[in-house]
Full PDB file with SEQRES, HELIX, SHEET, SSBOND, CRYST1, ORIGX, SCALE, CONECT and MASTER records, all heavy atoms in Angstrom:
SEQRES   1 A   38  ALA ASP TRP GLN LEU ARG ASP SER GLY SER GLY SER LYS          
SEQRES   2 A   38  SER LEU VAL LEU GLU GLU SER GLY TYR THR ILE VAL LEU          
SEQRES   3 A   38  ALA GLY GLY ALA ASP LEU ASP GLU PHE ASP ALA LEU              
HELIX    1 AA1 LEU A   32  ALA A   37  1                                   6    
SHEET    1 AA1 3 GLN A   4  ASP A   7  0                                        
SHEET    2 AA1 3 LYS A  13  GLU A  19 -1                                        
SHEET    3 AA1 3 TYR A  22  GLY A  28 -1                                        
CRYST1    1.000    1.000    1.000  90.00  90.00  90.00 P 1           1          
ORIGX1      1.000000  0.000000  0.000000        0.00000                         
ORIGX2      0.000000  1.000000  0.000000        0.00000                         
ORIGX3      0.000000  0.000000  1.000000        0.00000                         
SCALE1      1.000000  0.000000  0.000000        0.00000                         
SCALE2      0.000000  1.000000  0.000000        0.00000                         
SCALE3      0.000000  0.000000  1.000000        0.00000                         
ATOM      1  N   ALA A   1       4.507  -6.456  16.215  1.00  0.00           N  
ATOM      2  CA  ALA A   1       5.866  -6.489  16.744  1.00  0.00           C  
ATOM      3  C   ALA A   1       5.998  -7.590  17.785  1.00  0.00           C  
ATOM      4  O   ALA A   1       5.011  -7.999  18.410  1.00  0.00           O  
ATOM      5  CB  ALA A   1       6.230  -5.143  17.368  1.00  0.00           C  
ATOM      6  N   ASP A   2       7.211  -8.102  17.927  1.00  0.00           N  
ATOM      7  CA  ASP A   2       7.473  -9.158  18.909  1.00  0.00           C  
ATOM      8  C   ASP A   2       7.945  -8.537  20.227  1.00  0.00           C  
ATOM      9  O   ASP A   2       9.008  -7.912  20.275  1.00  0.00           O  
ATOM     10  CB  ASP A   2       8.532 -10.135  18.367  1.00  0.00           C  
ATOM     11  CG  ASP A   2       8.016 -10.938  17.179  1.00  0.00           C  
ATOM     12  OD1 ASP A   2       6.831 -11.314  17.189  1.00  0.00           O  
ATOM     13  OD2 ASP A   2       8.811 -11.182  16.244  1.00  0.00           O  
ATOM     14  N   TRP A   3       7.170  -8.742  21.263  1.00  0.00           N  
ATOM     15  CA  TRP A   3       7.474  -8.217  22.593  1.00  0.00           C  
ATOM     16  C   TRP A   3       7.936  -9.358  23.501  1.00  0.00           C  
ATOM     17  O   TRP A   3       7.364 -10.445  23.477  1.00  0.00           O  
ATOM     18  CB  TRP A   3       6.241  -7.572  23.227  1.00  0.00           C  
ATOM     19  CG  TRP A   3       5.723  -6.356  22.518  1.00  0.00           C  
ATOM     20  CD1 TRP A   3       5.078  -6.317  21.323  1.00  0.00           C  
ATOM     21  CD2 TRP A   3       5.788  -5.005  22.988  1.00  0.00           C  
ATOM     22  NE1 TRP A   3       4.737  -5.039  20.992  1.00  0.00           N  
ATOM     23  CE2 TRP A   3       5.155  -4.202  22.009  1.00  0.00           C  
ATOM     24  CE3 TRP A   3       6.310  -4.401  24.121  1.00  0.00           C  
ATOM     25  CZ2 TRP A   3       5.029  -2.821  22.139  1.00  0.00           C  
ATOM     26  CZ3 TRP A   3       6.173  -3.018  24.259  1.00  0.00           C  
ATOM     27  CH2 TRP A   3       5.556  -2.249  23.285  1.00  0.00           C  
ATOM     28  N   GLN A   4       8.954  -9.090  24.253  1.00  0.00           N  
ATOM     29  CA  GLN A   4       9.431 -10.063  25.237  1.00  0.00           C  
ATOM     30  C   GLN A   4       8.613  -9.918  26.520  1.00  0.00           C  
ATOM     31  O   GLN A   4       8.433  -8.814  27.031  1.00  0.00           O  
ATOM     32  CB  GLN A   4      10.912  -9.800  25.535  1.00  0.00           C  
ATOM     33  CG  GLN A   4      11.559 -10.801  26.483  1.00  0.00           C  
ATOM     34  CD  GLN A   4      12.983 -10.376  26.837  1.00  0.00           C  
ATOM     35  OE1 GLN A   4      13.199  -9.516  27.694  1.00  0.00           O  
ATOM     36  NE2 GLN A   4      13.961 -10.959  26.133  1.00  0.00           N  
ATOM     37  N   LEU A   5       8.106 -11.035  27.023  1.00  0.00           N  
ATOM     38  CA  LEU A   5       7.298 -11.024  28.241  1.00  0.00           C  
ATOM     39  C   LEU A   5       8.163 -11.439  29.433  1.00  0.00           C  
ATOM     40  O   LEU A   5       8.831 -12.470  29.399  1.00  0.00           O  
ATOM     41  CB  LEU A   5       6.109 -11.973  28.109  1.00  0.00           C  
ATOM     42  CG  LEU A   5       5.241 -12.162  29.369  1.00  0.00           C  
ATOM     43  CD1 LEU A   5       4.573 -10.848  29.778  1.00  0.00           C  
ATOM     44  CD2 LEU A   5       4.196 -13.254  29.139  1.00  0.00           C  
ATOM     45  N   ARG A   6       8.138 -10.611  30.468  1.00  0.00           N  
ATOM     46  CA  ARG A   6       8.839 -10.933  31.710  1.00  0.00           C  
ATOM     47  C   ARG A   6       7.818 -10.901  32.841  1.00  0.00           C  
ATOM     48  O   ARG A   6       7.106  -9.909  33.020  1.00  0.00           O  
ATOM     49  CB  ARG A   6       9.961  -9.935  32.000  1.00  0.00           C  
ATOM     50  CG  ARG A   6      11.044  -9.934  30.908  1.00  0.00           C  
ATOM     51  CD  ARG A   6      12.257  -9.143  31.355  1.00  0.00           C  
ATOM     52  NE  ARG A   6      13.324  -9.152  30.363  1.00  0.00           N  
ATOM     53  CZ  ARG A   6      14.600  -8.916  30.630  1.00  0.00           C  
ATOM     54  NH1 ARG A   6      14.982  -8.634  31.877  1.00  0.00           N  
ATOM     55  NH2 ARG A   6      15.507  -8.937  29.683  1.00  0.00           N  
ATOM     56  N   ASP A   7       7.764 -11.993  33.604  1.00  0.00           N  
ATOM     57  CA  ASP A   7       6.734 -12.124  34.638  1.00  0.00           C  
ATOM     58  C   ASP A   7       7.392 -12.583  35.945  1.00  0.00           C  
ATOM     59  O   ASP A   7       8.058 -13.619  35.985  1.00  0.00           O  
ATOM     60  CB  ASP A   7       5.668 -13.129  34.206  1.00  0.00           C  
ATOM     61  CG  ASP A   7       4.420 -13.053  35.062  1.00  0.00           C  
ATOM     62  OD1 ASP A   7       4.493 -12.546  36.202  1.00  0.00           O  
ATOM     63  OD2 ASP A   7       3.351 -13.500  34.597  1.00  0.00           O  
ATOM     64  N   SER A   8       7.186 -11.803  37.000  1.00  0.00           N  
ATOM     65  CA  SER A   8       7.776 -12.142  38.302  1.00  0.00           C  
ATOM     66  C   SER A   8       6.960 -13.190  39.047  1.00  0.00           C  
ATOM     67  O   SER A   8       7.420 -13.753  40.033  1.00  0.00           O  
ATOM     68  CB  SER A   8       7.877 -10.878  39.164  1.00  0.00           C  
ATOM     69  OG  SER A   8       6.582 -10.369  39.445  1.00  0.00           O  
ATOM     70  N   GLY A   9       5.719 -13.413  38.590  1.00  0.00           N  
ATOM     71  CA  GLY A   9       4.860 -14.369  39.270  1.00  0.00           C  
ATOM     72  C   GLY A   9       4.135 -13.789  40.472  1.00  0.00           C  
ATOM     73  O   GLY A   9       3.360 -14.477  41.134  1.00  0.00           O  
ATOM     74  N   SER A  10       4.359 -12.514  40.763  1.00  0.00           N  
ATOM     75  CA  SER A  10       3.725 -11.874  41.919  1.00  0.00           C  
ATOM     76  C   SER A  10       2.640 -10.893  41.506  1.00  0.00           C  
ATOM     77  O   SER A  10       2.193 -10.074  42.308  1.00  0.00           O  
ATOM     78  CB  SER A  10       4.779 -11.129  42.746  1.00  0.00           C  
ATOM     79  OG  SER A  10       5.402 -10.113  41.958  1.00  0.00           O  
ATOM     80  N   GLY A  11       2.229 -10.961  40.252  1.00  0.00           N  
ATOM     81  CA  GLY A  11       1.183 -10.066  39.756  1.00  0.00           C  
ATOM     82  C   GLY A  11       1.711  -8.957  38.879  1.00  0.00           C  
ATOM     83  O   GLY A  11       0.974  -8.382  38.085  1.00  0.00           O  
ATOM     84  N   SER A  12       2.988  -8.635  38.995  1.00  0.00           N  
ATOM     85  CA  SER A  12       3.586  -7.600  38.171  1.00  0.00           C  
ATOM     86  C   SER A  12       4.287  -8.246  36.978  1.00  0.00           C  
ATOM     87  O   SER A  12       4.953  -9.266  37.124  1.00  0.00           O  
ATOM     88  CB  SER A  12       4.595  -6.788  38.991  1.00  0.00           C  
ATOM     89  OG  SER A  12       5.213  -5.801  38.186  1.00  0.00           O  
ATOM     90  N   LYS A  13       4.118  -7.635  35.829  1.00  0.00           N  
ATOM     91  CA  LYS A  13       4.731  -8.191  34.611  1.00  0.00           C  
ATOM     92  C   LYS A  13       5.224  -7.058  33.728  1.00  0.00           C  
ATOM     93  O   LYS A  13       4.868  -5.890  33.926  1.00  0.00           O  
ATOM     94  CB  LYS A  13       3.735  -9.078  33.866  1.00  0.00           C  
ATOM     95  CG  LYS A  13       2.460  -8.370  33.468  1.00  0.00           C  
ATOM     96  CD  LYS A  13       1.452  -9.340  32.847  1.00  0.00           C  
ATOM     97  CE  LYS A  13       0.840 -10.244  33.877  1.00  0.00           C  
ATOM     98  NZ  LYS A  13      -0.108  -9.512  34.771  1.00  0.00           N  
ATOM     99  N   SER A  14       6.040  -7.404  32.727  1.00  0.00           N  
ATOM    100  CA  SER A  14       6.597  -6.396  31.834  1.00  0.00           C  
ATOM    101  C   SER A  14       6.624  -6.918  30.410  1.00  0.00           C  
ATOM    102  O   SER A  14       6.812  -8.123  30.172  1.00  0.00           O  
ATOM    103  CB  SER A  14       8.025  -6.011  32.250  1.00  0.00           C  
ATOM    104  OG  SER A  14       8.063  -5.518  33.564  1.00  0.00           O  
ATOM    105  N   LEU A  15       6.457  -6.001  29.471  1.00  0.00           N  
ATOM    106  CA  LEU A  15       6.649  -6.288  28.057  1.00  0.00           C  
ATOM    107  C   LEU A  15       7.791  -5.403  27.565  1.00  0.00           C  
ATOM    108  O   LEU A  15       7.834  -4.210  27.871  1.00  0.00           O  
ATOM    109  CB  LEU A  15       5.384  -5.981  27.258  1.00  0.00           C  
ATOM    110  CG  LEU A  15       4.206  -6.947  27.435  1.00  0.00           C  
ATOM    111  CD1 LEU A  15       2.993  -6.439  26.652  1.00  0.00           C  
ATOM    112  CD2 LEU A  15       4.574  -8.353  26.968  1.00  0.00           C  
ATOM    113  N   VAL A  16       8.726  -5.998  26.817  1.00  0.00           N  
ATOM    114  CA  VAL A  16       9.905  -5.268  26.340  1.00  0.00           C  
ATOM    115  C   VAL A  16       9.959  -5.345  24.825  1.00  0.00           C  
ATOM    116  O   VAL A  16       9.863  -6.425  24.242  1.00  0.00           O  
ATOM    117  CB  VAL A  16      11.205  -5.861  26.934  1.00  0.00           C  
ATOM    118  CG1 VAL A  16      12.408  -5.066  26.440  1.00  0.00           C  
ATOM    119  CG2 VAL A  16      11.144  -5.875  28.461  1.00  0.00           C  
ATOM    120  N   LEU A  17      10.125  -4.169  24.194  1.00  0.00           N  
ATOM    121  CA  LEU A  17      10.225  -4.098  22.739  1.00  0.00           C  
ATOM    122  C   LEU A  17      11.521  -3.401  22.359  1.00  0.00           C  
ATOM    123  O   LEU A  17      11.823  -2.314  22.852  1.00  0.00           O  
ATOM    124  CB  LEU A  17       9.034  -3.329  22.162  1.00  0.00           C  
ATOM    125  CG  LEU A  17       9.069  -3.085  20.651  1.00  0.00           C  
ATOM    126  CD1 LEU A  17       8.999  -4.406  19.879  1.00  0.00           C  
ATOM    127  CD2 LEU A  17       7.934  -2.149  20.228  1.00  0.00           C  
ATOM    128  N   GLU A  18      12.303  -4.040  21.483  1.00  0.00           N  
ATOM    129  CA  GLU A  18      13.509  -3.439  20.905  1.00  0.00           C  
ATOM    130  C   GLU A  18      13.171  -3.089  19.464  1.00  0.00           C  
ATOM    131  O   GLU A  18      12.954  -3.985  18.632  1.00  0.00           O  
ATOM    132  CB  GLU A  18      14.679  -4.432  20.952  1.00  0.00           C  
ATOM    133  CG  GLU A  18      15.038  -4.935  22.341  1.00  0.00           C  
ATOM    134  CD  GLU A  18      15.875  -3.939  23.117  1.00  0.00           C  
ATOM    135  OE1 GLU A  18      16.287  -2.912  22.526  1.00  0.00           O  
ATOM    136  OE2 GLU A  18      16.126  -4.188  24.315  1.00  0.00           O  
ATOM    137  N   GLU A  19      13.107  -1.779  19.191  1.00  0.00           N  
ATOM    138  CA  GLU A  19      12.652  -1.363  17.857  1.00  0.00           C  
ATOM    139  C   GLU A  19      13.279  -0.028  17.475  1.00  0.00           C  
ATOM    140  O   GLU A  19      13.231   0.946  18.240  1.00  0.00           O  
ATOM    141  CB  GLU A  19      11.119  -1.235  17.852  1.00  0.00           C  
ATOM    142  CG  GLU A  19      10.512  -0.894  16.503  1.00  0.00           C  
ATOM    143  CD  GLU A  19      10.525  -2.058  15.517  1.00  0.00           C  
ATOM    144  OE1 GLU A  19      10.542  -3.217  15.968  1.00  0.00           O  
ATOM    145  OE2 GLU A  19      10.536  -1.804  14.299  1.00  0.00           O  
ATOM    146  N   SER A  20      13.884   0.019  16.271  1.00  0.00           N  
ATOM    147  CA  SER A  20      14.420   1.255  15.693  1.00  0.00           C  
ATOM    148  C   SER A  20      15.414   1.956  16.602  1.00  0.00           C  
ATOM    149  O   SER A  20      15.454   3.194  16.679  1.00  0.00           O  
ATOM    150  CB  SER A  20      13.260   2.213  15.340  1.00  0.00           C  
ATOM    151  OG  SER A  20      12.333   1.599  14.482  1.00  0.00           O  
ATOM    152  N   GLY A  21      16.219   1.184  17.329  1.00  0.00           N  
ATOM    153  CA  GLY A  21      17.219   1.757  18.208  1.00  0.00           C  
ATOM    154  C   GLY A  21      16.702   2.150  19.580  1.00  0.00           C  
ATOM    155  O   GLY A  21      17.461   2.671  20.413  1.00  0.00           O  
ATOM    156  N   TYR A  22      15.416   1.899  19.839  1.00  0.00           N  
ATOM    157  CA  TYR A  22      14.826   2.226  21.134  1.00  0.00           C  
ATOM    158  C   TYR A  22      14.485   0.958  21.908  1.00  0.00           C  
ATOM    159  O   TYR A  22      14.219  -0.099  21.318  1.00  0.00           O  
ATOM    160  CB  TYR A  22      13.533   3.038  20.954  1.00  0.00           C  
ATOM    161  CG  TYR A  22      13.712   4.337  20.209  1.00  0.00           C  
ATOM    162  CD1 TYR A  22      13.163   4.508  18.941  1.00  0.00           C  
ATOM    163  CD2 TYR A  22      14.430   5.395  20.770  1.00  0.00           C  
ATOM    164  CE1 TYR A  22      13.319   5.697  18.240  1.00  0.00           C  
ATOM    165  CE2 TYR A  22      14.590   6.579  20.086  1.00  0.00           C  
ATOM    166  CZ  TYR A  22      14.039   6.724  18.814  1.00  0.00           C  
ATOM    167  OH  TYR A  22      14.203   7.907  18.132  1.00  0.00           O  
ATOM    168  N   THR A  23      14.488   1.087  23.213  1.00  0.00           N  
ATOM    169  CA  THR A  23      13.989   0.027  24.080  1.00  0.00           C  
ATOM    170  C   THR A  23      12.775   0.598  24.808  1.00  0.00           C  
ATOM    171  O   THR A  23      12.873   1.642  25.464  1.00  0.00           O  
ATOM    172  CB  THR A  23      15.040  -0.413  25.112  1.00  0.00           C  
ATOM    173  OG1 THR A  23      16.177  -0.937  24.415  1.00  0.00           O  
ATOM    174  CG2 THR A  23      14.475  -1.495  26.025  1.00  0.00           C  
ATOM    175  N   ILE A  24      11.656  -0.093  24.680  1.00  0.00           N  
ATOM    176  CA  ILE A  24      10.417   0.353  25.313  1.00  0.00           C  
ATOM    177  C   ILE A  24       9.957  -0.724  26.284  1.00  0.00           C  
ATOM    178  O   ILE A  24       9.863  -1.906  25.923  1.00  0.00           O  
ATOM    179  CB  ILE A  24       9.321   0.649  24.278  1.00  0.00           C  
ATOM    180  CG1 ILE A  24       9.771   1.806  23.374  1.00  0.00           C  
ATOM    181  CG2 ILE A  24       7.997   0.963  24.961  1.00  0.00           C  
ATOM    182  CD1 ILE A  24       8.807   2.141  22.264  1.00  0.00           C  
ATOM    183  N   VAL A  25       9.692  -0.322  27.495  1.00  0.00           N  
ATOM    184  CA  VAL A  25       9.249  -1.244  28.539  1.00  0.00           C  
ATOM    185  C   VAL A  25       7.873  -0.826  29.024  1.00  0.00           C  
ATOM    186  O   VAL A  25       7.644   0.345  29.369  1.00  0.00           O  
ATOM    187  CB  VAL A  25      10.221  -1.261  29.742  1.00  0.00           C  
ATOM    188  CG1 VAL A  25       9.705  -2.188  30.838  1.00  0.00           C  
ATOM    189  CG2 VAL A  25      11.617  -1.690  29.291  1.00  0.00           C  
ATOM    190  N   LEU A  26       6.957  -1.769  29.034  1.00  0.00           N  
ATOM    191  CA  LEU A  26       5.634  -1.582  29.636  1.00  0.00           C  
ATOM    192  C   LEU A  26       5.612  -2.429  30.889  1.00  0.00           C  
ATOM    193  O   LEU A  26       5.853  -3.639  30.822  1.00  0.00           O  
ATOM    194  CB  LEU A  26       4.516  -1.999  28.681  1.00  0.00           C  
ATOM    195  CG  LEU A  26       4.507  -1.366  27.285  1.00  0.00           C  
ATOM    196  CD1 LEU A  26       3.314  -1.886  26.484  1.00  0.00           C  
ATOM    197  CD2 LEU A  26       4.471   0.156  27.375  1.00  0.00           C  
ATOM    198  N   ALA A  27       5.346  -1.845  32.038  1.00  0.00           N  
ATOM    199  CA  ALA A  27       5.398  -2.596  33.291  1.00  0.00           C  
ATOM    200  C   ALA A  27       4.239  -2.225  34.199  1.00  0.00           C  
ATOM    201  O   ALA A  27       3.830  -1.069  34.267  1.00  0.00           O  
ATOM    202  CB  ALA A  27       6.727  -2.331  34.016  1.00  0.00           C  
ATOM    203  N   GLY A  28       3.704  -3.240  34.896  1.00  0.00           N  
ATOM    204  CA  GLY A  28       2.611  -2.976  35.831  1.00  0.00           C  
ATOM    205  C   GLY A  28       1.871  -4.238  36.200  1.00  0.00           C  
ATOM    206  O   GLY A  28       2.277  -5.352  35.849  1.00  0.00           O  
ATOM    207  N   GLY A  29       0.772  -4.059  36.897  1.00  0.00           N  
ATOM    208  CA  GLY A  29      -0.020  -5.207  37.354  1.00  0.00           C  
ATOM    209  C   GLY A  29      -1.299  -5.399  36.575  1.00  0.00           C  
ATOM    210  O   GLY A  29      -2.239  -6.029  37.071  1.00  0.00           O  
ATOM    211  N   ALA A  30      -1.368  -4.837  35.372  1.00  0.00           N  
ATOM    212  CA  ALA A  30      -2.579  -4.938  34.552  1.00  0.00           C  
ATOM    213  C   ALA A  30      -2.712  -6.332  33.949  1.00  0.00           C  
ATOM    214  O   ALA A  30      -1.798  -7.162  34.000  1.00  0.00           O  
ATOM    215  CB  ALA A  30      -2.535  -3.881  33.447  1.00  0.00           C  
ATOM    216  N   ASP A  31      -3.881  -6.588  33.368  1.00  0.00           N  
ATOM    217  CA  ASP A  31      -4.115  -7.845  32.670  1.00  0.00           C  
ATOM    218  C   ASP A  31      -3.394  -7.815  31.319  1.00  0.00           C  
ATOM    219  O   ASP A  31      -3.112  -6.744  30.763  1.00  0.00           O  
ATOM    220  CB  ASP A  31      -5.612  -8.073  32.449  1.00  0.00           C  
ATOM    221  CG  ASP A  31      -6.382  -8.157  33.765  1.00  0.00           C  
ATOM    222  OD1 ASP A  31      -5.785  -8.626  34.758  1.00  0.00           O  
ATOM    223  OD2 ASP A  31      -7.555  -7.744  33.783  1.00  0.00           O  
ATOM    224  N   LEU A  32      -3.148  -9.009  30.781  1.00  0.00           N  
ATOM    225  CA  LEU A  32      -2.409  -9.072  29.511  1.00  0.00           C  
ATOM    226  C   LEU A  32      -3.176  -8.425  28.365  1.00  0.00           C  
ATOM    227  O   LEU A  32      -2.558  -7.850  27.459  1.00  0.00           O  
ATOM    228  CB  LEU A  32      -2.105 -10.539  29.174  1.00  0.00           C  
ATOM    229  CG  LEU A  32      -0.911 -11.157  29.924  1.00  0.00           C  
ATOM    230  CD1 LEU A  32      -0.770 -12.637  29.587  1.00  0.00           C  
ATOM    231  CD2 LEU A  32       0.387 -10.405  29.608  1.00  0.00           C  
ATOM    232  N   ASP A  33      -4.507  -8.499  28.382  1.00  0.00           N  
ATOM    233  CA  ASP A  33      -5.251  -7.858  27.290  1.00  0.00           C  
ATOM    234  C   ASP A  33      -5.102  -6.328  27.357  1.00  0.00           C  
ATOM    235  O   ASP A  33      -5.121  -5.644  26.322  1.00  0.00           O  
ATOM    236  CB  ASP A  33      -6.724  -8.265  27.320  1.00  0.00           C  
ATOM    237  CG  ASP A  33      -7.411  -7.915  28.626  1.00  0.00           C  
ATOM    238  OD1 ASP A  33      -6.711  -7.697  29.630  1.00  0.00           O  
ATOM    239  OD2 ASP A  33      -8.653  -7.866  28.632  1.00  0.00           O  
ATOM    240  N   GLU A  34      -4.914  -5.794  28.574  1.00  0.00           N  
ATOM    241  CA  GLU A  34      -4.678  -4.360  28.706  1.00  0.00           C  
ATOM    242  C   GLU A  34      -3.265  -4.009  28.230  1.00  0.00           C  
ATOM    243  O   GLU A  34      -3.048  -2.974  27.596  1.00  0.00           O  
ATOM    244  CB  GLU A  34      -4.888  -3.930  30.150  1.00  0.00           C  
ATOM    245  CG  GLU A  34      -6.338  -4.076  30.614  1.00  0.00           C  
ATOM    246  CD  GLU A  34      -6.530  -3.811  32.091  1.00  0.00           C  
ATOM    247  OE1 GLU A  34      -5.662  -4.235  32.894  1.00  0.00           O  
ATOM    248  OE2 GLU A  34      -7.537  -3.179  32.453  1.00  0.00           O  
ATOM    249  N   PHE A  35      -2.299  -4.885  28.530  1.00  0.00           N  
ATOM    250  CA  PHE A  35      -0.951  -4.699  27.989  1.00  0.00           C  
ATOM    251  C   PHE A  35      -0.993  -4.734  26.466  1.00  0.00           C  
ATOM    252  O   PHE A  35      -0.301  -3.955  25.800  1.00  0.00           O  
ATOM    253  CB  PHE A  35      -0.022  -5.797  28.506  1.00  0.00           C  
ATOM    254  CG  PHE A  35       0.653  -5.477  29.816  1.00  0.00           C  
ATOM    255  CD1 PHE A  35       0.111  -5.894  31.009  1.00  0.00           C  
ATOM    256  CD2 PHE A  35       1.842  -4.757  29.853  1.00  0.00           C  
ATOM    257  CE1 PHE A  35       0.727  -5.612  32.220  1.00  0.00           C  
ATOM    258  CE2 PHE A  35       2.469  -4.456  31.052  1.00  0.00           C  
ATOM    259  CZ  PHE A  35       1.909  -4.887  32.250  1.00  0.00           C  
ATOM    260  N   ASP A  36      -1.778  -5.652  25.925  1.00  0.00           N  
ATOM    261  CA  ASP A  36      -1.879  -5.771  24.463  1.00  0.00           C  
ATOM    262  C   ASP A  36      -2.420  -4.487  23.842  1.00  0.00           C  
ATOM    263  O   ASP A  36      -1.951  -4.047  22.788  1.00  0.00           O  
ATOM    264  CB  ASP A  36      -2.782  -6.946  24.093  1.00  0.00           C  
ATOM    265  CG  ASP A  36      -2.149  -8.296  24.410  1.00  0.00           C  
ATOM    266  OD1 ASP A  36      -0.932  -8.333  24.699  1.00  0.00           O  
ATOM    267  OD2 ASP A  36      -2.877  -9.314  24.390  1.00  0.00           O  
ATOM    268  N   ALA A  37      -3.421  -3.870  24.503  1.00  0.00           N  
ATOM    269  CA  ALA A  37      -4.006  -2.640  23.965  1.00  0.00           C  
ATOM    270  C   ALA A  37      -2.973  -1.518  23.925  1.00  0.00           C  
ATOM    271  O   ALA A  37      -2.846  -0.799  22.924  1.00  0.00           O  
ATOM    272  CB  ALA A  37      -5.218  -2.230  24.811  1.00  0.00           C  
ATOM    273  N   LEU A  38      -2.213  -1.357  25.024  1.00  0.00           N  
ATOM    274  CA  LEU A  38      -1.190  -0.305  25.049  1.00  0.00           C  
ATOM    275  C   LEU A  38      -0.040  -0.643  24.102  1.00  0.00           C  
ATOM    276  O   LEU A  38       0.480   0.233  23.402  1.00  0.00           O  
ATOM    277  CB  LEU A  38      -0.650  -0.139  26.481  1.00  0.00           C  
ATOM    278  CG  LEU A  38       0.391   0.962  26.682  1.00  0.00           C  
ATOM    279  CD1 LEU A  38      -0.139   2.309  26.205  1.00  0.00           C  
ATOM    280  CD2 LEU A  38       0.803   1.054  28.157  1.00  0.00           C  
TER     281      LEU A  38                                                      
MASTER        0    0    0    1    3    0    0    6  280    1    0    3          
END                                                                             
């Protein structure tokens, strides 16, 4: 799936997915490979 990446530049970042009528946001200060796993 294609996730939109939003990065504040202060260590916190978010991934946003629009899928099947839902919006899912993953947000936190984790590494990108950890975001990829979730």
